[in-house]
Amino acid sequence: MATVLLVDDEPSVREVLRIYAEGNGLTVVGEAVNGRQAVDLTARLAPDVIVLDHEMPEMTGLEALPRLRRRAPRAVIVFYTSAVTHSKQDALALGATAYVTKSESAKTVIRTVLELIESRHPVAT
């Protein structure tokens, strides 16, 4: 199944996402607490999916997006944020595949990930 990098400065958010991801057959290969770490880990781990928060120390999700897209051009990047200082259009223009607000559950984020993976790699019937 697909490999996932979780990027959020809140350990509890990463933990809940990891539980849902692994419970749905995804493999969490790494976790990052800021955009800078995410860029470094993406270069080393080449994840299929990146779940990316916006408001983080050192480098925000919006700042990291173009760098992540260059390092992982085919990765699914789900921008998952509670920030209201930017728009969905900004995230999508900078390379996000999808945008989900933190008012949605972690279960919804992982469902979105699974749908995006399926749409890119449909199972033959």
PDB file of N, CA and C in Angstrom:
ATOM      1  N   MET A   1       0.846  -1.185   0.000  1.00  0.00           N
ATOM      2  CA  MET A   1       0.000   0.000   0.000  1.00  0.00           C
ATOM      3  C   MET A   1       0.883   1.237   0.000  1.00  0.00           C
ATOM      4  N   ALA A   2       0.266   2.368  -0.079  1.00  0.00           N
ATOM      5  CA  ALA A   2       0.969   3.640  -0.193  1.00  0.00           C
ATOM      6  C   ALA A   2       1.696   4.020   1.096  1.00  0.00           C
ATOM      7  N   THR A   3       2.787   4.765   0.913  1.00  0.00           N
ATOM      8  CA  THR A   3       3.551   5.285   2.046  1.00  0.00           C
ATOM      9  C   THR A   3       3.155   6.730   2.305  1.00  0.00           C
ATOM     10  N   VAL A   4       3.187   7.117   3.597  1.00  0.00           N
ATOM     11  CA  VAL A   4       2.673   8.424   4.006  1.00  0.00           C
ATOM     12  C   VAL A   4       3.681   9.134   4.904  1.00  0.00           C
ATOM     13  N   LEU A   5       3.838  10.437   4.682  1.00  0.00           N
ATOM     14  CA  LEU A   5       4.593  11.323   5.563  1.00  0.00           C
ATOM     15  C   LEU A   5       3.584  12.261   6.211  1.00  0.00           C
ATOM     16  N   LEU A   6       3.571  12.304   7.544  1.00  0.00           N
ATOM     17  CA  LEU A   6       2.673  13.186   8.292  1.00  0.00           C
ATOM     18  C   LEU A   6       3.448  14.412   8.751  1.00  0.00           C
ATOM     19  N   VAL A   7       2.912  15.597   8.480  1.00  0.00           N
ATOM     20  CA  VAL A   7       3.611  16.838   8.813  1.00  0.00           C
ATOM     21  C   VAL A   7       2.672  17.753   9.595  1.00  0.00           C
ATOM     22  N   ASP A   8       2.948  17.860  10.894  1.00  0.00           N
ATOM     23  CA  ASP A   8       2.162  18.731  11.766  1.00  0.00           C
ATOM     24  C   ASP A   8       2.973  18.951  13.027  1.00  0.00           C
ATOM     25  N   ASP A   9       2.955  20.150  13.561  1.00  0.00           N
ATOM     26  CA  ASP A   9       3.735  20.423  14.774  1.00  0.00           C
ATOM     27  C   ASP A   9       3.043  19.930  16.036  1.00  0.00           C
ATOM     28  N   GLU A  10       1.807  19.460  15.928  1.00  0.00           N
ATOM     29  CA  GLU A  10       1.066  18.939  17.078  1.00  0.00           C
ATOM     30  C   GLU A  10       1.168  17.417  17.113  1.00  0.00           C
ATOM     31  N   PRO A  11       1.844  16.854  18.121  1.00  0.00           N
ATOM     32  CA  PRO A  11       1.987  15.394  18.205  1.00  0.00           C
ATOM     33  C   PRO A  11       0.645  14.658  18.232  1.00  0.00           C
ATOM     34  N   SER A  12      -0.354  15.232  18.884  1.00  0.00           N
ATOM     35  CA  SER A  12      -1.649  14.555  18.974  1.00  0.00           C
ATOM     36  C   SER A  12      -2.325  14.452  17.607  1.00  0.00           C
ATOM     37  N   VAL A  13      -2.153  15.459  16.769  1.00  0.00           N
ATOM     38  CA  VAL A  13      -2.721  15.416  15.418  1.00  0.00           C
ATOM     39  C   VAL A  13      -2.034  14.323  14.610  1.00  0.00           C
ATOM     40  N   ARG A  14      -0.704  14.283  14.671  1.00  0.00           N
ATOM     41  CA  ARG A  14       0.034  13.237  13.951  1.00  0.00           C
ATOM     42  C   ARG A  14      -0.372  11.842  14.435  1.00  0.00           C
ATOM     43  N   GLU A  15      -0.556  11.699  15.744  1.00  0.00           N
ATOM     44  CA  GLU A  15      -0.907  10.393  16.301  1.00  0.00           C
ATOM     45  C   GLU A  15      -2.263   9.912  15.777  1.00  0.00           C
ATOM     46  N   VAL A  16      -3.252  10.782  15.783  1.00  0.00           N
ATOM     47  CA  VAL A  16      -4.575  10.400  15.307  1.00  0.00           C
ATOM     48  C   VAL A  16      -4.532  10.078  13.811  1.00  0.00           C
ATOM     49  N   LEU A  17      -3.825  10.898  13.036  1.00  0.00           N
ATOM     50  CA  LEU A  17      -3.696  10.621  11.606  1.00  0.00           C
ATOM     51  C   LEU A  17      -3.003   9.281  11.369  1.00  0.00           C
ATOM     52  N   ARG A  18      -1.955   9.002  12.152  1.00  0.00           N
ATOM     53  CA  ARG A  18      -1.226   7.737  12.009  1.00  0.00           C
ATOM     54  C   ARG A  18      -2.146   6.553  12.290  1.00  0.00           C
ATOM     55  N   ILE A  19      -2.934   6.649  13.346  1.00  0.00           N
ATOM     56  CA  ILE A  19      -3.853   5.561  13.701  1.00  0.00           C
ATOM     57  C   ILE A  19      -4.833   5.287  12.556  1.00  0.00           C
ATOM     58  N   TYR A  20      -5.441   6.330  12.006  1.00  0.00           N
ATOM     59  CA  TYR A  20      -6.381   6.148  10.894  1.00  0.00           C
ATOM     60  C   TYR A  20      -5.678   5.658   9.639  1.00  0.00           C
ATOM     61  N   ALA A  21      -4.502   6.203   9.345  1.00  0.00           N
ATOM     62  CA  ALA A  21      -3.769   5.788   8.150  1.00  0.00           C
ATOM     63  C   ALA A  21      -3.418   4.309   8.221  1.00  0.00           C
ATOM     64  N   GLU A  22      -2.792   3.904   9.316  1.00  0.00           N
ATOM     65  CA  GLU A  22      -2.371   2.513   9.461  1.00  0.00           C
ATOM     66  C   GLU A  22      -3.570   1.571   9.548  1.00  0.00           C
ATOM     67  N   GLY A  23      -4.647   2.045  10.133  1.00  0.00           N
ATOM     68  CA  GLY A  23      -5.869   1.244  10.212  1.00  0.00           C
ATOM     69  C   GLY A  23      -6.527   1.029   8.860  1.00  0.00           C
ATOM     70  N   ASN A  24      -6.126   1.820   7.875  1.00  0.00           N
ATOM     71  CA  ASN A  24      -6.655   1.691   6.518  1.00  0.00           C
ATOM     72  C   ASN A  24      -5.624   1.155   5.540  1.00  0.00           C
ATOM     73  N   GLY A  25      -4.587   0.524   6.074  1.00  0.00           N
ATOM     74  CA  GLY A  25      -3.613  -0.147   5.219  1.00  0.00           C
ATOM     75  C   GLY A  25      -2.503   0.717   4.671  1.00  0.00           C
ATOM     76  N   LEU A  26      -2.418   1.974   5.094  1.00  0.00           N
ATOM     77  CA  LEU A  26      -1.333   2.848   4.656  1.00  0.00           C
ATOM     78  C   LEU A  26      -0.131   2.654   5.575  1.00  0.00           C
ATOM     79  N   THR A  27       1.059   2.908   5.069  1.00  0.00           N
ATOM     80  CA  THR A  27       2.280   2.775   5.856  1.00  0.00           C
ATOM     81  C   THR A  27       2.850   4.157   6.135  1.00  0.00           C
ATOM     82  N   VAL A  28       2.864   4.562   7.389  1.00  0.00           N
ATOM     83  CA  VAL A  28       3.448   5.855   7.765  1.00  0.00           C
ATOM     84  C   VAL A  28       4.954   5.662   7.854  1.00  0.00           C
ATOM     85  N   VAL A  29       5.683   6.310   6.940  1.00  0.00           N
ATOM     86  CA  VAL A  29       7.136   6.143   6.876  1.00  0.00           C
ATOM     87  C   VAL A  29       7.890   7.241   7.620  1.00  0.00           C
ATOM     88  N   GLY A  30       7.187   8.314   7.994  1.00  0.00           N
ATOM     89  CA  GLY A  30       7.858   9.390   8.706  1.00  0.00           C
ATOM     90  C   GLY A  30       6.886  10.426   9.217  1.00  0.00           C
ATOM     91  N   GLU A  31       7.406  11.227  10.156  1.00  0.00           N
ATOM     92  CA  GLU A  31       6.641  12.332  10.717  1.00  0.00           C
ATOM     93  C   GLU A  31       7.571  13.530  10.826  1.00  0.00           C
ATOM     94  N   ALA A  32       7.041  14.708  10.531  1.00  0.00           N
ATOM     95  CA  ALA A  32       7.811  15.944  10.614  1.00  0.00           C
ATOM     96  C   ALA A  32       7.027  16.973  11.407  1.00  0.00           C
ATOM     97  N   VAL A  33       7.760  17.867  12.080  1.00  0.00           N
ATOM     98  CA  VAL A  33       7.118  18.892  12.902  1.00  0.00           C
ATOM     99  C   VAL A  33       7.126  20.273  12.250  1.00  0.00           C
ATOM    100  N   ASN A  34       7.739  20.376  11.083  1.00  0.00           N
ATOM    101  CA  ASN A  34       7.737  21.645  10.355  1.00  0.00           C
ATOM    102  C   ASN A  34       8.029  21.388   8.880  1.00  0.00           C
ATOM    103  N   GLY A  35       7.864  22.421   8.081  1.00  0.00           N
ATOM    104  CA  GLY A  35       8.075  22.290   6.646  1.00  0.00           C
ATOM    105  C   GLY A  35       9.494  21.922   6.265  1.00  0.00           C
ATOM    106  N   ARG A  36      10.464  22.440   6.989  1.00  0.00           N
ATOM    107  CA  ARG A  36      11.868  22.145   6.691  1.00  0.00           C
ATOM    108  C   ARG A  36      12.145  20.647   6.857  1.00  0.00           C
ATOM    109  N   GLN A  37      11.683  20.090   7.958  1.00  0.00           N
ATOM    110  CA  GLN A  37      11.830  18.641   8.174  1.00  0.00           C
ATOM    111  C   GLN A  37      11.099  17.855   7.098  1.00  0.00           C
ATOM    112  N   ALA A  38       9.932  18.311   6.713  1.00  0.00           N
ATOM    113  CA  ALA A  38       9.149  17.628   5.685  1.00  0.00           C
ATOM    114  C   ALA A  38       9.909  17.559   4.365  1.00  0.00           C
ATOM    115  N   VAL A  39      10.536  18.659   3.986  1.00  0.00           N
ATOM    116  CA  VAL A  39      11.304  18.695   2.743  1.00  0.00           C
ATOM    117  C   VAL A  39      12.468  17.709   2.821  1.00  0.00           C
ATOM    118  N   ASP A  40      13.184  17.715   3.923  1.00  0.00           N
ATOM    119  CA  ASP A  40      14.303  16.783   4.102  1.00  0.00           C
ATOM    120  C   ASP A  40      13.846  15.331   4.074  1.00  0.00           C
ATOM    121  N   LEU A  41      12.779  15.022   4.818  1.00  0.00           N
ATOM    122  CA  LEU A  41      12.284  13.646   4.854  1.00  0.00           C
ATOM    123  C   LEU A  41      11.728  13.201   3.504  1.00  0.00           C
ATOM    124  N   THR A  42      11.106  14.090   2.788  1.00  0.00           N
ATOM    125  CA  THR A  42      10.576  13.752   1.465  1.00  0.00           C
ATOM    126  C   THR A  42      11.706  13.373   0.523  1.00  0.00           C
ATOM    127  N   ALA A  43      12.807  14.107   0.597  1.00  0.00           N
ATOM    128  CA  ALA A  43      13.956  13.789  -0.252  1.00  0.00           C
ATOM    129  C   ALA A  43      14.516  12.403   0.075  1.00  0.00           C
ATOM    130  N   ARG A  44      14.514  12.024   1.347  1.00  0.00           N
ATOM    131  CA  ARG A  44      15.060  10.725   1.765  1.00  0.00           C
ATOM    132  C   ARG A  44      14.078   9.573   1.614  1.00  0.00           C
ATOM    133  N   LEU A  45      12.805   9.811   1.905  1.00  0.00           N
ATOM    134  CA  LEU A  45      11.831   8.723   1.994  1.00  0.00           C
ATOM    135  C   LEU A  45      10.954   8.543   0.755  1.00  0.00           C
ATOM    136  N   ALA A  46      10.847   9.570  -0.079  1.00  0.00           N
ATOM    137  CA  ALA A  46      10.007   9.540  -1.287  1.00  0.00           C
ATOM    138  C   ALA A  46       8.604   8.983  -1.000  1.00  0.00           C
ATOM    139  N   PRO A  47       7.851   9.612  -0.082  1.00  0.00           N
ATOM    140  CA  PRO A  47       6.514   9.100   0.234  1.00  0.00           C
ATOM    141  C   PRO A  47       5.552   9.265  -0.940  1.00  0.00           C
ATOM    142  N   ASP A  48       4.563   8.388  -0.976  1.00  0.00           N
ATOM    143  CA  ASP A  48       3.512   8.490  -1.987  1.00  0.00           C
ATOM    144  C   ASP A  48       2.523   9.590  -1.637  1.00  0.00           C
ATOM    145  N   VAL A  49       2.382   9.842  -0.319  1.00  0.00           N
ATOM    146  CA  VAL A  49       1.396  10.795   0.191  1.00  0.00           C
ATOM    147  C   VAL A  49       2.043  11.653   1.273  1.00  0.00           C
ATOM    148  N   ILE A  50       1.715  12.943   1.267  1.00  0.00           N
ATOM    149  CA  ILE A  50       2.146  13.857   2.321  1.00  0.00           C
ATOM    150  C   ILE A  50       0.896  14.558   2.845  1.00  0.00           C
ATOM    151  N   VAL A  51       0.664  14.435   4.159  1.00  0.00           N
ATOM    152  CA  VAL A  51      -0.421  15.184   4.804  1.00  0.00           C
ATOM    153  C   VAL A  51       0.259  16.354   5.496  1.00  0.00           C
ATOM    154  N   LEU A  52      -0.078  17.573   5.076  1.00  0.00           N
ATOM    155  CA  LEU A  52       0.691  18.761   5.419  1.00  0.00           C
ATOM    156  C   LEU A  52      -0.142  19.835   6.110  1.00  0.00           C
ATOM    157  N   ASP A  53       0.281  20.205   7.315  1.00  0.00           N
ATOM    158  CA  ASP A  53      -0.322  21.324   8.042  1.00  0.00           C
ATOM    159  C   ASP A  53       0.248  22.629   7.483  1.00  0.00           C
ATOM    160  N   HIS A  54      -0.390  23.730   7.798  1.00  0.00           N
ATOM    161  CA  HIS A  54       0.132  25.029   7.365  1.00  0.00           C
ATOM    162  C   HIS A  54       0.932  25.717   8.466  1.00  0.00           C
ATOM    163  N   GLU A  55       0.298  26.006   9.590  1.00  0.00           N
ATOM    164  CA  GLU A  55       0.937  26.816  10.628  1.00  0.00           C
ATOM    165  C   GLU A  55       1.887  25.962  11.468  1.00  0.00           C
ATOM    166  N   MET A  56       3.187  26.099  11.146  1.00  0.00           N
ATOM    167  CA  MET A  56       4.234  25.359  11.851  1.00  0.00           C
ATOM    168  C   MET A  56       5.450  26.269  11.996  1.00  0.00           C
ATOM    169  N   PRO A  57       6.304  25.990  12.982  1.00  0.00           N
ATOM    170  CA  PRO A  57       7.513  26.795  13.140  1.00  0.00           C
ATOM    171  C   PRO A  57       8.521  26.520  12.024  1.00  0.00           C
ATOM    172  N   GLU A  58       9.435  27.437  11.837  1.00  0.00           N
ATOM    173  CA  GLU A  58      10.561  27.359  10.890  1.00  0.00           C
ATOM    174  C   GLU A  58      10.158  27.491   9.433  1.00  0.00           C
ATOM    175  N   MET A  59       9.214  26.672   8.968  1.00  0.00           N
ATOM    176  CA  MET A  59       8.748  26.775   7.588  1.00  0.00           C
ATOM    177  C   MET A  59       7.293  26.321   7.547  1.00  0.00           C
ATOM    178  N   THR A  60       6.417  27.193   7.067  1.00  0.00           N
ATOM    179  CA  THR A  60       4.994  26.863   7.011  1.00  0.00           C
ATOM    180  C   THR A  60       4.709  25.858   5.896  1.00  0.00           C
ATOM    181  N   GLY A  61       3.507  25.334   5.924  1.00  0.00           N
ATOM    182  CA  GLY A  61       3.095  24.423   4.865  1.00  0.00           C
ATOM    183  C   GLY A  61       3.083  25.077   3.501  1.00  0.00           C
ATOM    184  N   LEU A  62       2.608  26.327   3.431  1.00  0.00           N
ATOM    185  CA  LEU A  62       2.613  27.020   2.135  1.00  0.00           C
ATOM    186  C   LEU A  62       4.027  27.247   1.633  1.00  0.00           C
ATOM    187  N   GLU A  63       4.955  27.557   2.524  1.00  0.00           N
ATOM    188  CA  GLU A  63       6.352  27.739   2.117  1.00  0.00           C
ATOM    189  C   GLU A  63       6.962  26.421   1.659  1.00  0.00           C
ATOM    190  N   ALA A  64       6.558  25.336   2.282  1.00  0.00           N
ATOM    191  CA  ALA A  64       7.120  24.021   1.955  1.00  0.00           C
ATOM    192  C   ALA A  64       6.528  23.428   0.676  1.00  0.00           C
ATOM    193  N   LEU A  65       5.300  23.766   0.345  1.00  0.00           N
ATOM    194  CA  LEU A  65       4.616  23.131  -0.785  1.00  0.00           C
ATOM    195  C   LEU A  65       5.416  23.093  -2.083  1.00  0.00           C
ATOM    196  N   PRO A  66       5.942  24.214  -2.578  1.00  0.00           N
ATOM    197  CA  PRO A  66       6.674  24.137  -3.849  1.00  0.00           C
ATOM    198  C   PRO A  66       7.927  23.257  -3.752  1.00  0.00           C
ATOM    199  N   ARG A  67       8.583  23.281  -2.610  1.00  0.00           N
ATOM    200  CA  ARG A  67       9.777  22.447  -2.412  1.00  0.00           C
ATOM    201  C   ARG A  67       9.405  20.965  -2.384  1.00  0.00           C
ATOM    202  N   LEU A  68       8.299  20.662  -1.701  1.00  0.00           N
ATOM    203  CA  LEU A  68       7.829  19.282  -1.650  1.00  0.00           C
ATOM    204  C   LEU A  68       7.431  18.803  -3.038  1.00  0.00           C
ATOM    205  N   ARG A  69       6.759  19.648  -3.783  1.00  0.00           N
ATOM    206  CA  ARG A  69       6.319  19.279  -5.133  1.00  0.00           C
ATOM    207  C   ARG A  69       7.522  19.001  -6.035  1.00  0.00           C
ATOM    208  N   ARG A  70       8.595  19.786  -5.901  1.00  0.00           N
ATOM    209  CA  ARG A  70       9.797  19.538  -6.699  1.00  0.00           C
ATOM    210  C   ARG A  70      10.447  18.209  -6.328  1.00  0.00           C
ATOM    211  N   ARG A  71      10.442  17.870  -5.051  1.00  0.00           N
ATOM    212  CA  ARG A  71      11.088  16.633  -4.589  1.00  0.00           C
ATOM    213  C   ARG A  71      10.213  15.397  -4.793  1.00  0.00           C
ATOM    214  N   ALA A  72       8.930  15.595  -4.860  1.00  0.00           N
ATOM    215  CA  ALA A  72       7.994  14.477  -5.022  1.00  0.00           C
ATOM    216  C   ALA A  72       6.889  14.874  -6.003  1.00  0.00           C
ATOM    217  N   PRO A  73       7.232  14.997  -7.274  1.00  0.00           N
ATOM    218  CA  PRO A  73       6.268  15.525  -8.250  1.00  0.00           C
ATOM    219  C   PRO A  73       4.990  14.705  -8.403  1.00  0.00           C
ATOM    220  N   ARG A  74       5.049  13.420  -8.099  1.00  0.00           N
ATOM    221  CA  ARG A  74       3.853  12.580  -8.262  1.00  0.00           C
ATOM    222  C   ARG A  74       3.132  12.285  -6.950  1.00  0.00           C
ATOM    223  N   ALA A  75       3.648  12.793  -5.855  1.00  0.00           N
ATOM    224  CA  ALA A  75       3.027  12.522  -4.549  1.00  0.00           C
ATOM    225  C   ALA A  75       1.668  13.208  -4.429  1.00  0.00           C
ATOM    226  N   VAL A  76       0.790  12.567  -3.691  1.00  0.00           N
ATOM    227  CA  VAL A  76      -0.470  13.178  -3.287  1.00  0.00           C
ATOM    228  C   VAL A  76      -0.137  14.047  -2.075  1.00  0.00           C
ATOM    229  N   ILE A  77      -0.452  15.341  -2.142  1.00  0.00           N
ATOM    230  CA  ILE A  77      -0.215  16.228  -1.008  1.00  0.00           C
ATOM    231  C   ILE A  77      -1.561  16.785  -0.554  1.00  0.00           C
ATOM    232  N   VAL A  78      -1.946  16.374   0.657  1.00  0.00           N
ATOM    233  CA  VAL A  78      -3.206  16.844   1.235  1.00  0.00           C
ATOM    234  C   VAL A  78      -2.876  17.939   2.236  1.00  0.00           C
ATOM    235  N   PHE A  79      -3.298  19.144   1.938  1.00  0.00           N
ATOM    236  CA  PHE A  79      -3.093  20.296   2.806  1.00  0.00           C
ATOM    237  C   PHE A  79      -4.200  20.267   3.841  1.00  0.00           C
ATOM    238  N   TYR A  80      -3.844  20.071   5.113  1.00  0.00           N
ATOM    239  CA  TYR A  80      -4.796  19.858   6.202  1.00  0.00           C
ATOM    240  C   TYR A  80      -4.548  20.933   7.246  1.00  0.00           C
ATOM    241  N   THR A  81      -5.439  21.914   7.325  1.00  0.00           N
ATOM    242  CA  THR A  81      -5.117  23.092   8.129  1.00  0.00           C
ATOM    243  C   THR A  81      -6.334  23.748   8.763  1.00  0.00           C
ATOM    244  N   SER A  82      -6.075  24.455   9.848  1.00  0.00           N
ATOM    245  CA  SER A  82      -7.106  25.268  10.482  1.00  0.00           C
ATOM    246  C   SER A  82      -6.865  26.745  10.212  1.00  0.00           C
ATOM    247  N   ALA A  83      -5.787  27.051   9.532  1.00  0.00           N
ATOM    248  CA  ALA A  83      -5.407  28.444   9.275  1.00  0.00           C
ATOM    249  C   ALA A  83      -6.432  29.134   8.376  1.00  0.00           C
ATOM    250  N   VAL A  84      -6.664  30.385   8.669  1.00  0.00           N
ATOM    251  CA  VAL A  84      -7.568  31.167   7.833  1.00  0.00           C
ATOM    252  C   VAL A  84      -6.833  32.324   7.165  1.00  0.00           C
ATOM    253  N   THR A  85      -5.514  32.300   7.256  1.00  0.00           N
ATOM    254  CA  THR A  85      -4.713  33.387   6.695  1.00  0.00           C
ATOM    255  C   THR A  85      -4.357  33.157   5.235  1.00  0.00           C
ATOM    256  N   HIS A  86      -4.865  32.117   4.661  1.00  0.00           N
ATOM    257  CA  HIS A  86      -4.596  31.810   3.266  1.00  0.00           C
ATOM    258  C   HIS A  86      -5.844  31.194   2.662  1.00  0.00           C
ATOM    259  N   SER A  87      -5.818  30.977   1.389  1.00  0.00           N
ATOM    260  CA  SER A  87      -6.986  30.406   0.741  1.00  0.00           C
ATOM    261  C   SER A  87      -6.689  29.030   0.173  1.00  0.00           C
ATOM    262  N   LYS A  88      -7.741  28.341  -0.077  1.00  0.00           N
ATOM    263  CA  LYS A  88      -7.638  27.033  -0.711  1.00  0.00           C
ATOM    264  C   LYS A  88      -6.918  27.169  -2.058  1.00  0.00           C
ATOM    265  N   GLN A  89      -7.213  28.229  -2.780  1.00  0.00           N
ATOM    266  CA  GLN A  89      -6.606  28.443  -4.086  1.00  0.00           C
ATOM    267  C   GLN A  89      -5.083  28.589  -3.981  1.00  0.00           C
ATOM    268  N   ASP A  90      -4.605  29.253  -2.905  1.00  0.00           N
ATOM    269  CA  ASP A  90      -3.159  29.397  -2.709  1.00  0.00           C
ATOM    270  C   ASP A  90      -2.500  28.030  -2.562  1.00  0.00           C
ATOM    271  N   ALA A  91      -3.076  27.192  -1.720  1.00  0.00           N
ATOM    272  CA  ALA A  91      -2.501  25.864  -1.476  1.00  0.00           C
ATOM    273  C   ALA A  91      -2.512  25.038  -2.754  1.00  0.00           C
ATOM    274  N   LEU A  92      -3.608  25.050  -3.472  1.00  0.00           N
ATOM    275  CA  LEU A  92      -3.691  24.274  -4.706  1.00  0.00           C
ATOM    276  C   LEU A  92      -2.744  24.817  -5.770  1.00  0.00           C
ATOM    277  N   ALA A  93      -2.616  26.132  -5.855  1.00  0.00           N
ATOM    278  CA  ALA A  93      -1.705  26.736  -6.834  1.00  0.00           C
ATOM    279  C   ALA A  93      -0.247  26.406  -6.540  1.00  0.00           C
ATOM    280  N   LEU A  94       0.073  26.216  -5.270  1.00  0.00           N
ATOM    281  CA  LEU A  94       1.454  25.915  -4.884  1.00  0.00           C
ATOM    282  C   LEU A  94       1.789  24.429  -4.922  1.00  0.00           C
ATOM    283  N   GLY A  95       0.812  23.593  -5.249  1.00  0.00           N
ATOM    284  CA  GLY A  95       1.122  22.183  -5.429  1.00  0.00           C
ATOM    285  C   GLY A  95       0.322  21.183  -4.634  1.00  0.00           C
ATOM    286  N   ALA A  96      -0.603  21.631  -3.796  1.00  0.00           N
ATOM    287  CA  ALA A  96      -1.421  20.674  -3.056  1.00  0.00           C
ATOM    288  C   ALA A  96      -2.358  19.944  -4.015  1.00  0.00           C
ATOM    289  N   THR A  97      -2.580  18.682  -3.744  1.00  0.00           N
ATOM    290  CA  THR A  97      -3.514  17.883  -4.530  1.00  0.00           C
ATOM    291  C   THR A  97      -4.931  18.101  -4.019  1.00  0.00           C
ATOM    292  N   ALA A  98      -5.053  18.267  -2.699  1.00  0.00           N
ATOM    293  CA  ALA A  98      -6.354  18.458  -2.062  1.00  0.00           C
ATOM    294  C   ALA A  98      -6.187  19.350  -0.842  1.00  0.00           C
ATOM    295  N   TYR A  99      -7.289  19.909  -0.397  1.00  0.00           N
ATOM    296  CA  TYR A  99      -7.313  20.830   0.736  1.00  0.00           C
ATOM    297  C   TYR A  99      -8.429  20.388   1.669  1.00  0.00           C
ATOM    298  N   VAL A 100      -8.070  20.128   2.934  1.00  0.00           N
ATOM    299  CA  VAL A 100      -9.056  19.717   3.929  1.00  0.00           C
ATOM    300  C   VAL A 100      -8.838  20.570   5.174  1.00  0.00           C
ATOM    301  N   THR A 101      -9.921  21.120   5.719  1.00  0.00           N
ATOM    302  CA  THR A 101      -9.781  21.929   6.927  1.00  0.00           C
ATOM    303  C   THR A 101      -9.807  21.025   8.157  1.00  0.00           C
ATOM    304  N   LYS A 102      -9.201  21.509   9.228  1.00  0.00           N
ATOM    305  CA  LYS A 102      -9.157  20.734  10.465  1.00  0.00           C
ATOM    306  C   LYS A 102     -10.500  20.678  11.174  1.00  0.00           C
ATOM    307  N   SER A 103     -11.508  21.355  10.620  1.00  0.00           N
ATOM    308  CA  SER A 103     -12.855  21.163  11.147  1.00  0.00           C
ATOM    309  C   SER A 103     -13.381  19.798  10.727  1.00  0.00           C
ATOM    310  N   GLU A 104     -12.743  19.202   9.727  1.00  0.00           N
ATOM    311  CA  GLU A 104     -13.050  17.829   9.311  1.00  0.00           C
ATOM    312  C   GLU A 104     -12.250  16.874  10.185  1.00  0.00           C
ATOM    313  N   SER A 105     -12.691  15.661  10.286  1.00  0.00           N
ATOM    314  CA  SER A 105     -12.014  14.670  11.126  1.00  0.00           C
ATOM    315  C   SER A 105     -10.794  14.073  10.434  1.00  0.00           C
ATOM    316  N   ALA A 106      -9.926  13.471  11.232  1.00  0.00           N
ATOM    317  CA  ALA A 106      -8.780  12.746  10.682  1.00  0.00           C
ATOM    318  C   ALA A 106      -9.261  11.623   9.777  1.00  0.00           C
ATOM    319  N   LYS A 107     -10.383  11.043  10.118  1.00  0.00           N
ATOM    320  CA  LYS A 107     -10.967   9.987   9.286  1.00  0.00           C
ATOM    321  C   LYS A 107     -11.274  10.515   7.887  1.00  0.00           C
ATOM    322  N   THR A 108     -11.774  11.741   7.796  1.00  0.00           N
ATOM    323  CA  THR A 108     -12.068  12.365   6.507  1.00  0.00           C
ATOM    324  C   THR A 108     -10.783  12.600   5.719  1.00  0.00           C
ATOM    325  N   VAL A 109      -9.727  13.012   6.397  1.00  0.00           N
ATOM    326  CA  VAL A 109      -8.443  13.232   5.727  1.00  0.00           C
ATOM    327  C   VAL A 109      -7.958  11.927   5.103  1.00  0.00           C
ATOM    328  N   ILE A 110      -7.990  10.857   5.859  1.00  0.00           N
ATOM    329  CA  ILE A 110      -7.504   9.577   5.354  1.00  0.00           C
ATOM    330  C   ILE A 110      -8.421   9.045   4.254  1.00  0.00           C
ATOM    331  N   ARG A 111      -9.720   9.255   4.383  1.00  0.00           N
ATOM    332  CA  ARG A 111     -10.634   8.877   3.305  1.00  0.00           C
ATOM    333  C   ARG A 111     -10.282   9.639   2.026  1.00  0.00           C
ATOM    334  N   THR A 112      -9.973  10.926   2.150  1.00  0.00           N
ATOM    335  CA  THR A 112      -9.558  11.731   1.001  1.00  0.00           C
ATOM    336  C   THR A 112      -8.290  11.155   0.385  1.00  0.00           C
ATOM    337  N   VAL A 113      -7.310  10.810   1.228  1.00  0.00           N
ATOM    338  CA  VAL A 113      -6.056  10.207   0.757  1.00  0.00           C
ATOM    339  C   VAL A 113      -6.358   8.939  -0.037  1.00  0.00           C
ATOM    340  N   LEU A 114      -7.169   8.061   0.522  1.00  0.00           N
ATOM    341  CA  LEU A 114      -7.486   6.794  -0.139  1.00  0.00           C
ATOM    342  C   LEU A 114      -8.193   7.019  -1.478  1.00  0.00           C
ATOM    343  N   GLU A 115      -9.104   7.979  -1.532  1.00  0.00           N
ATOM    344  CA  GLU A 115      -9.798   8.284  -2.784  1.00  0.00           C
ATOM    345  C   GLU A 115      -8.833   8.817  -3.833  1.00  0.00           C
ATOM    346  N   LEU A 116      -7.901   9.666  -3.414  1.00  0.00           N
ATOM    347  CA  LEU A 116      -6.922  10.204  -4.358  1.00  0.00           C
ATOM    348  C   LEU A 116      -5.982   9.120  -4.874  1.00  0.00           C
ATOM    349  N   ILE A 117      -5.559   8.235  -3.995  1.00  0.00           N
ATOM    350  CA  ILE A 117      -4.701   7.120  -4.418  1.00  0.00           C
ATOM    351  C   ILE A 117      -5.451   6.241  -5.410  1.00  0.00           C
ATOM    352  N   GLU A 118      -6.691   5.928  -5.100  1.00  0.00           N
ATOM    353  CA  GLU A 118      -7.502   5.084  -5.987  1.00  0.00           C
ATOM    354  C   GLU A 118      -7.702   5.746  -7.345  1.00  0.00           C
ATOM    355  N   SER A 119      -7.911   7.060  -7.357  1.00  0.00           N
ATOM    356  CA  SER A 119      -8.142   7.744  -8.635  1.00  0.00           C
ATOM    357  C   SER A 119      -6.886   7.772  -9.497  1.00  0.00           C
ATOM    358  N   ARG A 120      -5.731   7.718  -8.864  1.00  0.00           N
ATOM    359  CA  ARG A 120      -4.459   7.708  -9.613  1.00  0.00           C
ATOM    360  C   ARG A 120      -4.053   6.298 -10.030  1.00  0.00           C
ATOM    361  N   HIS A 121      -4.456   5.316  -9.251  1.00  0.00           N
ATOM    362  CA  HIS A 121      -4.077   3.923  -9.506  1.00  0.00           C
ATOM    363  C   HIS A 121      -5.306   3.027  -9.341  1.00  0.00           C
ATOM    364  N   PRO A 122      -6.263   3.142 -10.260  1.00  0.00           N
ATOM    365  CA  PRO A 122      -7.483   2.347 -10.102  1.00  0.00           C
ATOM    366  C   PRO A 122      -7.181   0.848 -10.146  1.00  0.00           C
ATOM    367  N   VAL A 123      -7.937   0.124  -9.365  1.00  0.00           N
ATOM    368  CA  VAL A 123      -7.805  -1.327  -9.328  1.00  0.00           C
ATOM    369  C   VAL A 123      -8.581  -1.912 -10.501  1.00  0.00           C
ATOM    370  N   ALA A 124      -7.934  -2.766 -11.276  1.00  0.00           N
ATOM    371  CA  ALA A 124      -8.586  -3.407 -12.414  1.00  0.00           C
ATOM    372  C   ALA A 124      -9.599  -4.421 -11.914  1.00  0.00           C
ATOM    373  N   THR A 125     -10.758  -4.456 -12.553  1.00  0.00           N
ATOM    374  CA  THR A 125     -11.781  -5.435 -12.159  1.00  0.00           C
ATOM    375  C   THR A 125     -12.092  -6.373 -13.296  1.00  0.00           C
TER     376      THR A 125
END
